[in-house]
Amino acid sequence: MADQREFDVIVYGSTGYTGRLVAEYLNQQYTGSDVKWAMAGRSADKMEAVAKEMGIANHIPKIVADSSNPETLADMAKRTRAVLTTVGPYQLYGTDMVVACAQNGTDYVDLCGEPAWMRDTVRDFQAAAEKSGARIVHSCGFDSVPFDLGVFYTQVKAQEKFGETCPRIRGRVRKMQGKFSGGTAASFMETMKRAGHQPEILGWLKDPFSLTPGFEGPKQPHGAKPILEEDINSWSAPFIMASINTKNVHRSNALLGGKYGEDFVYDEMMLTGPGEQGEKMAQGVMQMNNSMGVNPPKPGEGPTKEERENGFYDVIFIGDTKSGKRIIASVAGDKDPGYGSTCKMIAESALCLALDIDRDCVPGGIYTPAPAMGMTLIERLEKNAGLTFTVEQAG
């Protein structure tokens, strides 16, 4: 059984750009604790070099495993309560890892922002995960932890304060400083390549309910063009990550039994301020989003340590109830969202799933962060990972 295994978490992909940051975080945060973790990757020599470079303790085990050899993935999965994988694009390198975990009752977390592949895993591995007890949780980084948990937190607080949830929530990025991920760019390019020979994928990408088979809610806002939101005195621009985050939020609602309501409407945009200047900035953001494919960063590339340390994000969630009450909650992070904060979020997600979430409460299956870990993960993130969840207005 999972509670008798050698490790709590194995970091697979620990020599990649993000994987080594995860390993560094676990080493700094949990040295001297009871947490048992290990590094995993294709090359023992490279893991040794990364460990030395990142100051990781010599006693941390290093496991050789490779997606081209599924047996090594299965052997690794059997040794740990949870696998944390940063090896993407997941549609190229992730399926065998999901199979290994689903077959061996091993919990799993990733950084996936590839909705077509996530749809595949729901279709192909839900039954196996249910049978073995494995909890497979996608999107445990900046996409989509702050947004998925932000909506969840807003709904919980609305229920506490008003006795009702919000059928309408707007996610709005208030401030953000950070660089676009090379891995995210590679995932986007791979998805577009797949869509070239599987045209239905374009429909999945446009459909906000493509991760909720059997459930489809009301028409959702597109968020494709700048809009003026007079009630918050700001222009809003399209947010490049809305496509994946909104799908995860709707899947969370479905997995929570429609807790947010069957008429739930959610969208995400980026605030750019009032007046002509705000409108001009919103247009600029839209143009920047449209040029994402021009000279994107390569996988393995990323910001310097100084840039990661100086990054931040601040997202607000504006919720309106049927009775006319409004709640505004916020989620803020203290590091670059794509790397500095993401490495902490996925590490805490893996530990939360492996150590804190009872299988009697959350059985095996394919999950998003909120229904899998909810307030338990929020508490971990606030305690350890530099995130804050705050109710700013309620009434």
Protein backbone atom coordinates (compact mmCIF):
# COMPACT_ATOMS: atom_id res chain seq x y z
CA MET A 1 0.00 0.00 0.00
CA ALA A 2 1.01 3.62 -0.56
CA ASP A 3 1.51 4.32 3.18
CA GLN A 4 4.23 1.67 3.33
CA ARG A 5 6.32 3.04 0.48
CA GLU A 6 9.92 4.15 0.52
CA PHE A 7 9.27 7.77 -0.49
CA ASP A 8 6.56 10.37 -0.05
CA VAL A 9 7.40 12.16 -3.32
CA ILE A 10 9.69 11.50 -6.27
CA VAL A 11 10.49 14.48 -8.50
CA TYR A 12 10.62 13.14 -12.06
CA GLY A 13 12.40 15.50 -14.44
CA SER A 14 14.60 16.88 -11.68
CA THR A 15 17.37 17.92 -14.07
CA GLY A 16 15.13 20.15 -16.20
CA TYR A 17 14.76 23.88 -15.62
CA THR A 18 11.61 23.66 -13.48
CA GLY A 19 12.39 20.25 -11.99
CA ARG A 20 15.64 21.45 -10.47
CA LEU A 21 13.82 24.40 -8.89
CA VAL A 22 11.33 21.94 -7.35
CA ALA A 23 14.21 19.84 -5.99
CA GLU A 24 15.90 22.96 -4.60
CA TYR A 25 12.68 24.01 -2.87
CA LEU A 26 12.09 20.60 -1.28
CA ASN A 27 15.69 20.52 -0.09
CA GLN A 28 15.46 23.98 1.47
CA GLN A 29 11.98 23.63 2.92
CA TYR A 30 12.07 20.06 4.23
CA THR A 31 15.66 19.29 5.19
CA GLY A 32 15.55 17.92 8.73
CA SER A 33 11.85 17.03 8.49
CA ASP A 34 10.18 13.63 8.16
CA VAL A 35 9.46 14.20 4.46
CA LYS A 36 11.08 11.50 2.32
CA TRP A 37 11.74 12.53 -1.26
CA ALA A 38 13.99 11.64 -4.17
CA MET A 39 15.17 12.99 -7.50
CA ALA A 40 14.51 11.09 -10.72
CA GLY A 41 15.67 11.54 -14.29
CA ARG A 42 17.31 9.90 -17.28
CA SER A 43 20.92 10.39 -16.24
CA ALA A 44 22.50 9.64 -12.86
CA ASP A 45 25.51 11.80 -13.74
CA LYS A 46 23.33 14.76 -14.64
CA MET A 47 21.33 14.40 -11.43
CA GLU A 48 24.57 14.43 -9.45
CA ALA A 49 25.67 17.58 -11.26
CA VAL A 50 22.34 19.31 -10.67
CA ALA A 51 22.33 18.32 -7.00
CA LYS A 52 25.78 19.85 -6.60
CA GLU A 53 24.79 23.00 -8.51
CA MET A 54 21.58 23.51 -6.52
CA GLY A 55 23.09 22.68 -3.13
CA ILE A 56 20.92 19.60 -2.64
CA ALA A 57 21.96 17.33 0.22
CA ASN A 58 24.13 14.36 -0.72
CA HIS A 59 21.81 11.86 0.97
CA ILE A 60 18.85 12.63 -1.32
CA PRO A 61 18.39 9.47 -3.47
CA LYS A 62 18.64 9.67 -7.25
CA ILE A 63 16.56 7.29 -9.36
CA VAL A 64 17.18 6.65 -13.04
CA ALA A 65 13.92 6.54 -15.00
CA ASP A 66 13.09 7.34 -18.62
CA SER A 67 9.80 7.78 -20.48
CA SER A 68 11.27 5.74 -23.34
CA ASN A 69 11.44 2.75 -20.95
CA PRO A 70 8.01 2.36 -19.29
CA GLU A 71 9.28 -0.38 -16.96
CA THR A 72 11.51 2.16 -15.20
CA LEU A 73 8.49 4.40 -14.68
CA ALA A 74 6.46 1.55 -13.18
CA ASP A 75 9.34 0.61 -10.86
CA MET A 76 9.58 4.23 -9.74
CA ALA A 77 5.83 4.52 -9.17
CA LYS A 78 5.84 1.47 -6.91
CA ARG A 79 8.39 3.09 -4.58
CA THR A 80 6.56 6.31 -3.77
CA ARG A 81 3.26 7.67 -2.53
CA ALA A 82 3.29 10.40 -5.20
CA VAL A 83 5.11 11.20 -8.43
CA LEU A 84 5.68 14.88 -9.22
CA THR A 85 6.49 15.20 -12.92
CA THR A 86 7.77 18.24 -14.77
CA VAL A 87 8.56 16.25 -17.94
CA GLY A 88 6.57 17.83 -20.76
CA PRO A 89 5.04 18.40 -23.18
CA TYR A 90 2.88 15.85 -21.45
CA GLN A 91 1.15 14.74 -24.64
CA LEU A 92 4.60 13.54 -25.79
CA TYR A 93 6.15 12.32 -22.56
CA GLY A 94 3.40 12.09 -19.93
CA THR A 95 1.08 9.22 -20.84
CA ASP A 96 3.29 6.34 -19.69
CA MET A 97 3.85 8.08 -16.35
CA VAL A 98 0.09 8.40 -15.84
CA VAL A 99 -0.30 4.72 -16.77
CA ALA A 100 2.36 3.69 -14.24
CA CYS A 101 0.71 5.66 -11.45
CA ALA A 102 -2.85 4.62 -12.34
CA GLN A 103 -1.89 0.95 -12.39
CA ASN A 104 0.07 1.04 -9.14
CA GLY A 105 -2.17 3.19 -6.94
CA THR A 106 0.35 6.04 -6.91
CA ASP A 107 -0.71 9.66 -6.62
CA TYR A 108 0.46 11.99 -9.39
CA VAL A 109 0.79 15.74 -9.97
CA ASP A 110 1.95 17.67 -13.01
CA LEU A 111 2.14 21.17 -14.51
CA CYS A 112 -0.06 20.35 -17.48
CA GLY A 113 -1.71 23.10 -19.50
CA GLU A 114 -2.63 20.81 -22.39
CA PRO A 115 -6.42 20.36 -22.33
CA ALA A 116 -6.58 17.94 -25.25
CA TRP A 117 -4.20 15.52 -23.51
CA MET A 118 -5.98 16.00 -20.19
CA ARG A 119 -9.22 15.06 -21.93
CA ASP A 120 -7.45 11.91 -23.16
CA THR A 121 -6.43 10.94 -19.61
CA VAL A 122 -9.98 11.39 -18.29
CA ARG A 123 -11.27 9.12 -21.05
CA ASP A 124 -8.52 6.52 -20.90
CA PHE A 125 -7.43 6.26 -17.27
CA GLN A 126 -10.29 7.31 -15.00
CA ALA A 127 -11.41 3.73 -14.50
CA ALA A 128 -7.90 2.43 -13.79
CA ALA A 129 -7.24 5.23 -11.29
CA GLU A 130 -10.55 4.56 -9.53
CA LYS A 131 -9.69 0.86 -9.27
CA SER A 132 -6.17 1.36 -7.89
CA GLY A 133 -6.90 4.41 -5.74
CA ALA A 134 -4.44 6.66 -7.60
CA ARG A 135 -5.31 10.35 -7.52
CA ILE A 136 -4.10 11.91 -10.81
CA VAL A 137 -4.11 15.70 -10.43
CA HIS A 138 -3.30 17.87 -13.43
CA SER A 139 -2.37 21.56 -13.55
CA CYS A 140 -0.69 22.03 -10.17
CA GLY A 141 1.37 25.11 -11.10
CA PHE A 142 0.43 28.67 -12.04
CA ASP A 143 -2.00 26.99 -14.35
CA SER A 144 -4.22 26.42 -12.59
CA VAL A 145 -3.71 26.47 -8.79
CA PRO A 146 -4.25 30.20 -8.04
CA PHE A 147 -7.30 30.32 -10.30
CA ASP A 148 -8.91 26.97 -9.49
CA LEU A 149 -8.35 27.41 -5.75
CA GLY A 150 -9.21 31.12 -6.00
CA VAL A 151 -12.69 30.30 -7.30
CA PHE A 152 -13.07 27.52 -4.74
CA TYR A 153 -12.01 29.84 -1.89
CA THR A 154 -14.38 32.59 -3.09
CA GLN A 155 -17.31 30.15 -3.19
CA VAL A 156 -16.50 28.74 0.27
CA LYS A 157 -16.36 32.24 1.76
CA ALA A 158 -19.54 33.31 -0.04
CA GLN A 159 -21.35 30.31 1.43
CA GLU A 160 -20.01 31.14 4.89
CA LYS A 161 -20.91 34.83 4.73
CA PHE A 162 -24.10 34.82 2.67
CA GLY A 163 -25.43 31.27 2.86
CA GLU A 164 -25.24 31.01 -0.93
CA THR A 165 -22.62 30.57 -3.64
CA CYS A 166 -21.98 32.76 -6.68
CA PRO A 167 -23.37 31.72 -10.05
CA ARG A 168 -21.12 34.38 -11.60
CA ILE A 169 -17.42 34.88 -10.83
CA ARG A 170 -14.93 36.98 -12.76
CA GLY A 171 -11.25 36.13 -12.39
CA ARG A 172 -9.15 39.24 -13.03
CA VAL A 173 -5.37 39.43 -12.99
CA ARG A 174 -4.71 42.68 -11.14
CA LYS A 175 -0.90 42.61 -11.26
CA MET A 176 1.65 40.19 -12.60
CA GLN A 177 5.37 40.20 -13.32
CA GLY A 178 6.99 37.11 -14.78
CA LYS A 179 8.30 35.47 -17.90
CA PHE A 180 6.59 33.13 -20.33
CA SER A 181 7.68 29.51 -19.92
CA GLY A 182 9.63 27.68 -22.62
CA GLY A 183 7.82 24.50 -21.61
CA THR A 184 4.44 26.22 -21.99
CA ALA A 185 5.43 27.43 -25.45
CA ALA A 186 6.48 23.90 -26.44
CA SER A 187 3.18 22.48 -25.15
CA PHE A 188 1.20 25.03 -27.16
CA MET A 189 3.15 24.25 -30.34
CA GLU A 190 2.67 20.52 -29.85
CA THR A 191 -1.07 20.98 -29.34
CA MET A 192 -1.32 22.99 -32.58
CA LYS A 193 0.67 20.29 -34.40
CA ARG A 194 -1.71 17.62 -33.13
CA ALA A 195 -4.71 19.73 -34.19
CA GLY A 196 -3.33 19.68 -37.74
CA HIS A 197 -4.17 15.99 -38.08
CA GLN A 198 -6.94 15.84 -35.45
CA PRO A 199 -9.16 18.85 -36.24
CA GLU A 200 -11.68 18.16 -33.46
CA ILE A 201 -9.02 19.36 -31.01
CA LEU A 202 -9.70 22.95 -32.10
CA GLY A 203 -13.27 22.47 -30.92
CA TRP A 204 -12.06 21.09 -27.58
CA LEU A 205 -9.78 24.10 -27.11
CA LYS A 206 -12.69 26.49 -27.68
CA ASP A 207 -15.18 24.56 -25.53
CA PRO A 208 -15.05 25.63 -21.84
CA PHE A 209 -16.66 22.28 -20.92
CA SER A 210 -14.29 20.01 -22.84
CA LEU A 211 -13.01 18.52 -19.55
CA THR A 212 -16.47 17.82 -18.15
CA PRO A 213 -17.81 14.90 -20.21
CA GLY A 214 -21.53 14.58 -19.74
CA PHE A 215 -21.98 18.08 -18.34
CA GLU A 216 -22.39 21.38 -20.14
CA GLY A 217 -23.34 24.60 -18.40
CA PRO A 218 -24.60 27.92 -19.76
CA LYS A 219 -22.91 29.96 -22.47
CA GLN A 220 -19.65 31.44 -21.20
CA PRO A 221 -17.97 34.78 -22.03
CA HIS A 222 -15.26 34.50 -24.69
CA GLY A 223 -12.84 37.06 -23.27
CA ALA A 224 -11.32 37.41 -26.74
CA LYS A 225 -11.36 41.20 -26.95
CA PRO A 226 -10.78 44.10 -24.53
CA ILE A 227 -13.86 45.24 -22.59
CA LEU A 228 -14.65 48.15 -20.30
CA GLU A 229 -15.97 46.98 -16.91
CA GLU A 230 -17.59 50.06 -15.44
CA ASP A 231 -18.44 48.49 -12.08
CA ILE A 232 -14.73 48.03 -11.31
CA ASN A 233 -13.60 51.11 -13.28
CA SER A 234 -11.13 49.32 -15.51
CA TRP A 235 -10.53 48.00 -18.97
CA SER A 236 -9.87 44.28 -19.15
CA ALA A 237 -7.70 42.51 -21.72
CA PRO A 238 -7.72 38.87 -22.83
CA PHE A 239 -5.67 36.69 -20.48
CA ILE A 240 -3.51 34.15 -22.30
CA MET A 241 -4.02 31.37 -19.73
CA ALA A 242 -7.80 31.69 -19.54
CA SER A 243 -8.36 28.87 -22.02
CA ILE A 244 -6.90 26.21 -19.73
CA ASN A 245 -7.86 27.74 -16.38
CA THR A 246 -11.55 28.10 -17.20
CA LYS A 247 -11.73 24.45 -18.31
CA ASN A 248 -10.17 23.33 -15.03
CA VAL A 249 -12.54 25.50 -12.98
CA HIS A 250 -15.56 23.98 -14.74
CA ARG A 251 -14.17 20.48 -14.22
CA SER A 252 -13.77 21.29 -10.53
CA ASN A 253 -17.40 22.36 -10.36
CA ALA A 254 -18.47 19.10 -12.00
CA LEU A 255 -16.28 16.98 -9.68
CA LEU A 256 -17.64 18.87 -6.66
CA GLY A 257 -21.14 17.84 -7.66
CA GLY A 258 -22.11 21.20 -9.10
CA LYS A 259 -21.24 23.04 -5.87
CA TYR A 260 -20.93 26.32 -7.80
CA GLY A 261 -24.27 25.72 -9.52
CA GLU A 262 -25.29 24.25 -12.86
CA ASP A 263 -25.72 27.82 -14.13
CA PHE A 264 -22.19 28.83 -13.11
CA VAL A 265 -20.44 31.36 -15.37
CA TYR A 266 -16.72 32.09 -15.12
CA ASP A 267 -14.18 33.98 -17.18
CA GLU A 268 -10.67 35.41 -16.79
CA MET A 269 -9.12 38.61 -18.04
CA MET A 270 -6.31 41.01 -17.14
CA LEU A 271 -7.04 44.46 -15.69
CA THR A 272 -5.31 47.34 -17.49
CA GLY A 273 -6.83 50.38 -15.77
CA PRO A 274 -9.37 53.08 -16.64
CA GLY A 275 -9.64 55.63 -19.43
CA GLU A 276 -7.85 55.88 -22.74
CA GLN A 277 -4.61 54.64 -21.26
CA GLY A 278 -6.32 51.51 -19.94
CA GLU A 279 -7.89 50.85 -23.32
CA LYS A 280 -4.55 51.32 -25.07
CA MET A 281 -2.86 48.90 -22.68
CA ALA A 282 -5.63 46.35 -23.18
CA GLN A 283 -5.15 46.48 -26.94
CA GLY A 284 -1.40 46.03 -26.45
CA VAL A 285 -1.92 42.98 -24.26
CA MET A 286 -4.17 41.41 -26.90
CA GLN A 287 -1.54 41.98 -29.60
CA MET A 288 1.18 40.53 -27.37
CA ASN A 289 -0.94 37.42 -26.75
CA ASN A 290 -1.45 36.98 -30.50
CA SER A 291 2.31 37.03 -31.11
CA MET A 292 3.08 34.23 -28.64
CA GLY A 293 4.39 31.96 -31.37
CA VAL A 294 7.03 34.44 -32.57
CA ASN A 295 10.47 33.41 -31.25
CA PRO A 296 9.13 31.63 -28.13
CA PRO A 297 11.60 30.56 -25.44
CA LYS A 298 12.95 27.03 -25.75
CA PRO A 299 12.20 24.30 -23.18
CA GLY A 300 14.81 24.51 -20.45
CA GLU A 301 15.12 28.27 -20.77
CA GLY A 302 13.81 30.58 -18.08
CA PRO A 303 14.35 33.70 -16.01
CA THR A 304 17.40 34.36 -13.86
CA LYS A 305 17.22 33.86 -10.11
CA GLU A 306 16.92 37.62 -9.65
CA GLU A 307 14.03 37.78 -12.11
CA ARG A 308 12.29 34.88 -10.34
CA GLU A 309 12.74 36.55 -6.95
CA ASN A 310 11.38 39.88 -8.22
CA GLY A 311 8.30 38.36 -9.86
CA PHE A 312 4.80 38.36 -8.37
CA TYR A 313 1.11 38.03 -9.18
CA ASP A 314 -2.16 39.25 -7.72
CA VAL A 315 -5.52 37.94 -8.94
CA ILE A 316 -8.97 39.02 -7.76
CA PHE A 317 -12.21 37.05 -7.96
CA ILE A 318 -15.40 39.09 -8.14
CA GLY A 319 -18.37 36.96 -7.18
CA ASP A 320 -22.04 37.92 -7.39
CA THR A 321 -24.85 35.93 -5.77
CA LYS A 322 -28.41 35.53 -6.98
CA SER A 323 -29.62 37.74 -4.14
CA GLY A 324 -27.39 40.61 -5.28
CA LYS A 325 -24.56 40.30 -2.77
CA ARG A 326 -20.95 40.68 -3.87
CA ILE A 327 -17.73 39.13 -2.61
CA ILE A 328 -14.24 40.03 -3.80
CA ALA A 329 -11.40 37.68 -2.87
CA SER A 330 -7.78 37.73 -3.94
CA VAL A 331 -4.90 35.30 -4.41
CA ALA A 332 -1.36 36.67 -4.46
CA GLY A 333 2.04 35.02 -4.89
CA ASP A 334 5.47 36.31 -3.95
CA LYS A 335 7.62 35.04 -6.83
CA ASP A 336 7.69 34.81 -10.62
CA PRO A 337 4.45 32.92 -11.40
CA GLY A 338 5.76 30.50 -14.02
CA TYR A 339 8.82 29.33 -12.12
CA GLY A 340 9.49 30.76 -8.66
CA SER A 341 5.94 30.25 -7.42
CA THR A 342 5.11 27.26 -9.59
CA CYS A 343 7.92 25.13 -8.16
CA LYS A 344 6.54 25.73 -4.66
CA MET A 345 2.91 25.13 -5.66
CA ILE A 346 3.54 21.78 -7.31
CA ALA A 347 5.81 20.60 -4.48
CA GLU A 348 3.20 21.44 -1.85
CA SER A 349 0.48 19.85 -4.02
CA ALA A 350 2.41 16.58 -4.16
CA LEU A 351 3.01 16.56 -0.41
CA CYS A 352 -0.57 17.53 0.33
CA LEU A 353 -1.93 14.72 -1.82
CA ALA A 354 0.49 12.13 -0.46
CA LEU A 355 0.41 13.04 3.21
CA ASP A 356 -2.77 14.97 4.01
CA ILE A 357 -5.63 13.72 1.82
CA ASP A 358 -7.27 10.50 2.95
CA ARG A 359 -8.34 8.09 0.23
CA ASP A 360 -11.63 7.54 2.02
CA CYS A 361 -12.41 11.22 1.42
CA VAL A 362 -10.85 11.55 -2.03
CA PRO A 363 -10.82 8.21 -3.88
CA GLY A 364 -8.90 7.41 -7.04
CA GLY A 365 -9.60 9.31 -10.23
CA ILE A 366 -8.52 12.14 -12.55
CA TYR A 367 -8.75 15.45 -10.69
CA THR A 368 -8.13 19.17 -10.71
CA PRO A 369 -6.56 20.78 -7.61
CA ALA A 370 -9.70 22.14 -5.88
CA PRO A 371 -11.78 18.94 -5.57
CA ALA A 372 -8.69 16.88 -4.77
CA MET A 373 -7.18 19.10 -2.06
CA GLY A 374 -9.30 22.22 -1.48
CA MET A 375 -8.76 24.12 1.76
CA THR A 376 -6.06 21.68 2.89
CA LEU A 377 -3.84 22.77 0.00
CA ILE A 378 -4.72 26.43 0.56
CA GLU A 379 -3.48 26.13 4.14
CA ARG A 380 -0.22 24.52 2.96
CA LEU A 381 0.34 27.19 0.33
CA GLU A 382 -0.22 30.00 2.82
CA LYS A 383 2.04 28.38 5.42
CA ASN A 384 4.92 27.36 3.14
CA ALA A 385 4.71 28.68 -0.41
CA GLY A 386 4.28 32.46 -0.18
CA LEU A 387 0.65 32.56 -1.34
CA THR A 388 -2.08 34.54 0.38
CA PHE A 389 -5.85 34.07 0.07
CA THR A 390 -7.85 37.07 1.25
CA VAL A 391 -11.47 38.25 1.33
CA GLU A 392 -11.28 41.93 0.38
CA GLN A 393 -14.98 42.76 0.28
CA ALA A 394 -18.18 40.99 1.26
CA GLY A 395 -21.61 42.54 1.34
